[in-house]
Amino acid sequence: FLCGEDRHSGQSFEHRRQWVEDRLHFLAETFSVSIWSYAVMSNHLHVIVQVLPDVASQWSDHEVAERWVRLFPREDMNPELRAEMLAMHAERMALLRSRLADLSWFMRCLSESIARRANKEDSCTGRFWEGRFKSQALLDDSAVLAAMAYVDLNPVRAGIAGNVETSDHTSVQARVTALRDAPEKANEPLRPIVGL
């Protein structure tokens, strides 16, 4: 029971779904990506990520260094000083720039952080999710929209939500709430839920 409720012990791990959602938002603001849709389920995650290497290629070395330091903070060193030192190494900057626009690194930074928190809470070691992530390229707008519909409706189909408005830890619930607060946004083009 990664994020659900253990029916045998009665223990709830639902709070971990918020961990995953918060981490997705943090990573989307750090990496060169757009997140179009996500649904944090009790034992898996669906996320539609657009990787934007062209955007990362336009970042200055200092911006790349600042993002990297934010992603991998160290308590023993001032973040500004560390970013300055990193930015002075051109080869290292090229590597970090490519990592900040890489889906595998994005997923690694998601999985590792959640695993560390859950392992600490459970006093154990190991991976959080069973295996490596699976990905599918979405090559046109209709594929993206179909995948978004699949992700958005997944909690409803699984029976953990009655409708998209009550579908916690999903991008569709955030979109519905935003439209309720500002109905005029319904006429605007579809945008990523978080990220670039």
Protein backbone atom coordinates (compact mmCIF):
# COMPACT_ATOMS: atom_id res chain seq x y z
CA PHE A 1 0.00 0.00 0.00
CA LEU A 2 2.11 2.82 -1.32
CA CYS A 3 -0.42 5.63 -1.01
CA GLY A 4 -3.67 3.84 -0.21
CA GLU A 5 -5.25 2.35 2.86
CA ASP A 6 -4.16 -1.05 4.13
CA ARG A 7 -7.44 -2.92 4.68
CA HIS A 8 -5.71 -5.49 6.91
CA SER A 9 -4.07 -3.12 9.39
CA GLY A 10 -6.35 -0.14 8.85
CA GLN A 11 -3.29 2.07 8.42
CA SER A 12 -3.66 4.87 5.88
CA PHE A 13 -0.87 6.03 3.59
CA GLU A 14 -3.07 8.53 1.74
CA HIS A 15 -0.84 11.42 2.85
CA ARG A 16 1.83 10.10 0.49
CA ARG A 17 -0.32 11.04 -2.49
CA GLN A 18 0.21 14.67 -1.50
CA TRP A 19 3.96 14.02 -1.31
CA VAL A 20 3.91 12.82 -4.91
CA GLU A 21 1.75 15.72 -6.10
CA ASP A 22 3.94 18.30 -4.32
CA ARG A 23 7.10 16.74 -5.75
CA LEU A 24 5.64 16.76 -9.28
CA HIS A 25 4.96 20.48 -8.96
CA PHE A 26 8.44 21.18 -7.59
CA LEU A 27 10.12 19.21 -10.37
CA ALA A 28 7.99 20.87 -13.05
CA GLU A 29 9.23 24.23 -11.82
CA THR A 30 12.85 23.04 -11.83
CA PHE A 31 13.16 20.91 -14.97
CA SER A 32 12.63 22.06 -18.54
CA VAL A 33 9.20 20.40 -18.80
CA SER A 34 5.49 21.01 -18.99
CA ILE A 35 3.08 18.74 -17.14
CA TRP A 36 -0.22 18.48 -18.96
CA SER A 37 -1.99 15.97 -16.74
CA TYR A 38 -1.42 13.73 -13.74
CA ALA A 39 -3.27 11.39 -11.44
CA VAL A 40 -1.70 10.05 -8.25
CA MET A 41 -3.31 6.69 -7.61
CA SER A 42 -2.93 4.45 -4.53
CA ASN A 43 -0.26 2.24 -6.11
CA HIS A 44 0.88 4.05 -9.28
CA LEU A 45 1.09 7.41 -11.00
CA HIS A 46 0.02 8.66 -14.41
CA VAL A 47 1.70 11.80 -15.69
CA ILE A 48 1.82 13.44 -19.11
CA VAL A 49 5.12 15.28 -19.39
CA GLN A 50 6.38 17.33 -22.29
CA VAL A 51 10.18 17.58 -22.23
CA LEU A 52 11.48 20.89 -23.60
CA PRO A 53 15.23 20.63 -24.31
CA ASP A 54 15.14 23.77 -26.50
CA VAL A 55 14.13 25.82 -23.48
CA ALA A 56 16.95 24.38 -21.35
CA SER A 57 19.44 25.16 -24.10
CA GLN A 58 18.56 28.87 -23.71
CA TRP A 59 19.13 28.96 -19.95
CA SER A 60 22.28 30.67 -18.78
CA ASP A 61 24.88 28.59 -16.97
CA HIS A 62 23.98 30.42 -13.79
CA GLU A 63 20.28 29.52 -14.16
CA VAL A 64 21.16 25.86 -14.80
CA ALA A 65 23.38 25.86 -11.70
CA GLU A 66 20.68 27.49 -9.55
CA ARG A 67 18.11 24.90 -10.68
CA TRP A 68 20.51 22.04 -10.00
CA VAL A 69 21.36 23.33 -6.53
CA ARG A 70 17.64 23.68 -5.76
CA LEU A 71 17.15 20.08 -6.92
CA PHE A 72 20.10 18.70 -4.94
CA PRO A 73 20.60 20.98 -1.92
CA ARG A 74 23.51 20.53 0.47
CA GLU A 75 23.33 21.65 4.07
CA ASP A 76 27.08 22.09 4.30
CA MET A 77 27.29 24.75 1.58
CA ASN A 78 25.69 28.08 0.78
CA PRO A 79 23.39 27.54 -2.26
CA GLU A 80 24.40 30.79 -4.00
CA LEU A 81 28.10 30.05 -3.60
CA ARG A 82 27.62 26.48 -4.76
CA ALA A 83 25.70 27.64 -7.85
CA GLU A 84 28.46 30.15 -8.67
CA MET A 85 31.11 27.44 -8.39
CA LEU A 86 29.12 25.03 -10.55
CA ALA A 87 28.49 27.66 -13.23
CA MET A 88 32.25 28.08 -13.76
CA HIS A 89 32.59 24.55 -15.21
CA ALA A 90 31.39 24.52 -18.83
CA GLU A 91 31.48 20.74 -19.26
CA ARG A 92 29.56 20.17 -16.05
CA MET A 93 27.00 22.80 -17.10
CA ALA A 94 26.43 21.01 -20.42
CA LEU A 95 25.78 17.75 -18.56
CA LEU A 96 23.45 19.33 -15.99
CA ARG A 97 21.57 21.24 -18.72
CA SER A 98 20.90 17.96 -20.55
CA ARG A 99 19.77 16.29 -17.31
CA LEU A 100 17.31 19.10 -16.59
CA ALA A 101 15.65 18.30 -19.93
CA ASP A 102 15.67 14.52 -19.56
CA LEU A 103 12.60 12.42 -18.72
CA SER A 104 14.66 9.71 -17.01
CA TRP A 105 16.25 12.26 -14.68
CA PHE A 106 12.85 13.80 -14.00
CA MET A 107 11.43 10.42 -12.99
CA ARG A 108 14.56 9.55 -11.02
CA CYS A 109 14.24 12.76 -9.00
CA LEU A 110 10.59 11.99 -8.36
CA SER A 111 11.03 8.34 -7.39
CA GLU A 112 14.14 8.72 -5.25
CA SER A 113 12.75 11.54 -3.15
CA ILE A 114 9.46 9.75 -2.47
CA ALA A 115 11.28 6.48 -1.69
CA ARG A 116 13.52 8.20 0.85
CA ARG A 117 10.53 9.73 2.66
CA ALA A 118 8.49 6.52 2.65
CA ASN A 119 11.48 4.42 3.73
CA LYS A 120 12.13 6.77 6.63
CA GLU A 121 8.47 6.61 7.65
CA ASP A 122 8.39 2.80 7.35
CA SER A 123 11.90 2.20 8.78
CA CYS A 124 12.93 0.19 5.74
CA THR A 125 14.94 0.46 2.52
CA GLY A 126 14.15 -0.07 -1.13
CA ARG A 127 12.26 1.40 -4.04
CA PHE A 128 8.90 3.07 -3.70
CA TRP A 129 7.48 1.95 -7.03
CA GLU A 130 8.14 -1.61 -8.10
CA GLY A 131 9.99 -0.97 -11.34
CA ARG A 132 11.23 1.60 -13.78
CA PHE A 133 8.68 3.95 -15.30
CA LYS A 134 7.05 3.17 -18.62
CA SER A 135 6.60 5.86 -21.24
CA GLN A 136 4.69 6.30 -24.47
CA ALA A 137 5.47 9.01 -27.02
CA LEU A 138 2.45 11.17 -27.86
CA LEU A 139 3.07 12.41 -31.38
CA ASP A 140 0.16 14.75 -32.09
CA ASP A 141 -2.51 16.83 -30.37
CA SER A 142 -5.18 14.13 -30.60
CA ALA A 143 -2.86 11.62 -28.90
CA VAL A 144 -2.14 14.11 -26.10
CA LEU A 145 -5.86 14.81 -25.59
CA ALA A 146 -6.73 11.10 -25.59
CA ALA A 147 -4.00 10.41 -23.04
CA MET A 148 -5.15 13.33 -20.89
CA ALA A 149 -8.71 11.97 -20.91
CA TYR A 150 -7.39 8.55 -19.88
CA VAL A 151 -5.35 10.04 -17.02
CA ASP A 152 -8.11 12.40 -15.88
CA LEU A 153 -10.73 9.65 -15.76
CA ASN A 154 -8.48 6.97 -14.22
CA PRO A 155 -9.55 7.60 -10.58
CA VAL A 156 -13.21 7.57 -11.62
CA ARG A 157 -12.81 4.30 -13.55
CA ALA A 158 -10.93 2.80 -10.58
CA GLY A 159 -13.82 3.68 -8.28
CA ILE A 160 -11.80 5.89 -5.92
CA ALA A 161 -13.67 9.04 -7.03
CA GLY A 162 -17.27 9.56 -8.08
CA ASN A 163 -16.38 12.24 -10.63
CA VAL A 164 -13.48 14.46 -11.68
CA GLU A 165 -14.44 17.16 -9.17
CA THR A 166 -13.91 14.73 -6.27
CA SER A 167 -10.82 13.15 -7.82
CA ASP A 168 -8.14 14.21 -5.33
CA HIS A 169 -4.48 14.53 -6.31
CA THR A 170 -5.22 14.98 -9.99
CA SER A 171 -4.62 17.77 -12.47
CA VAL A 172 -8.22 17.58 -13.66
CA GLN A 173 -9.52 18.51 -10.20
CA ALA A 174 -7.18 21.52 -10.23
CA ARG A 175 -8.48 22.53 -13.68
CA VAL A 176 -12.13 22.18 -12.57
CA THR A 177 -11.46 24.29 -9.47
CA ALA A 178 -9.70 26.96 -11.56
CA LEU A 179 -12.64 27.09 -13.97
CA ARG A 180 -15.13 27.37 -11.12
CA ASP A 181 -13.13 30.31 -9.72
CA ALA A 182 -12.67 31.98 -13.13
CA PRO A 183 -15.21 30.67 -15.70
CA GLU A 184 -13.87 32.99 -18.42
CA LYS A 185 -10.75 30.78 -18.62
CA ALA A 186 -12.86 28.12 -20.36
CA ASN A 187 -12.39 30.07 -23.59
CA GLU A 188 -8.59 30.18 -23.30
CA PRO A 189 -6.31 27.66 -25.03
CA LEU A 190 -5.40 24.56 -23.05
CA ARG A 191 -2.16 25.07 -21.12
CA PRO A 192 0.05 22.84 -19.02
CA ILE A 193 -1.15 22.46 -15.46
CA VAL A 194 2.35 23.20 -14.16
CA GLY A 195 5.80 23.83 -15.58
CA LEU A 196 6.81 25.81 -18.64
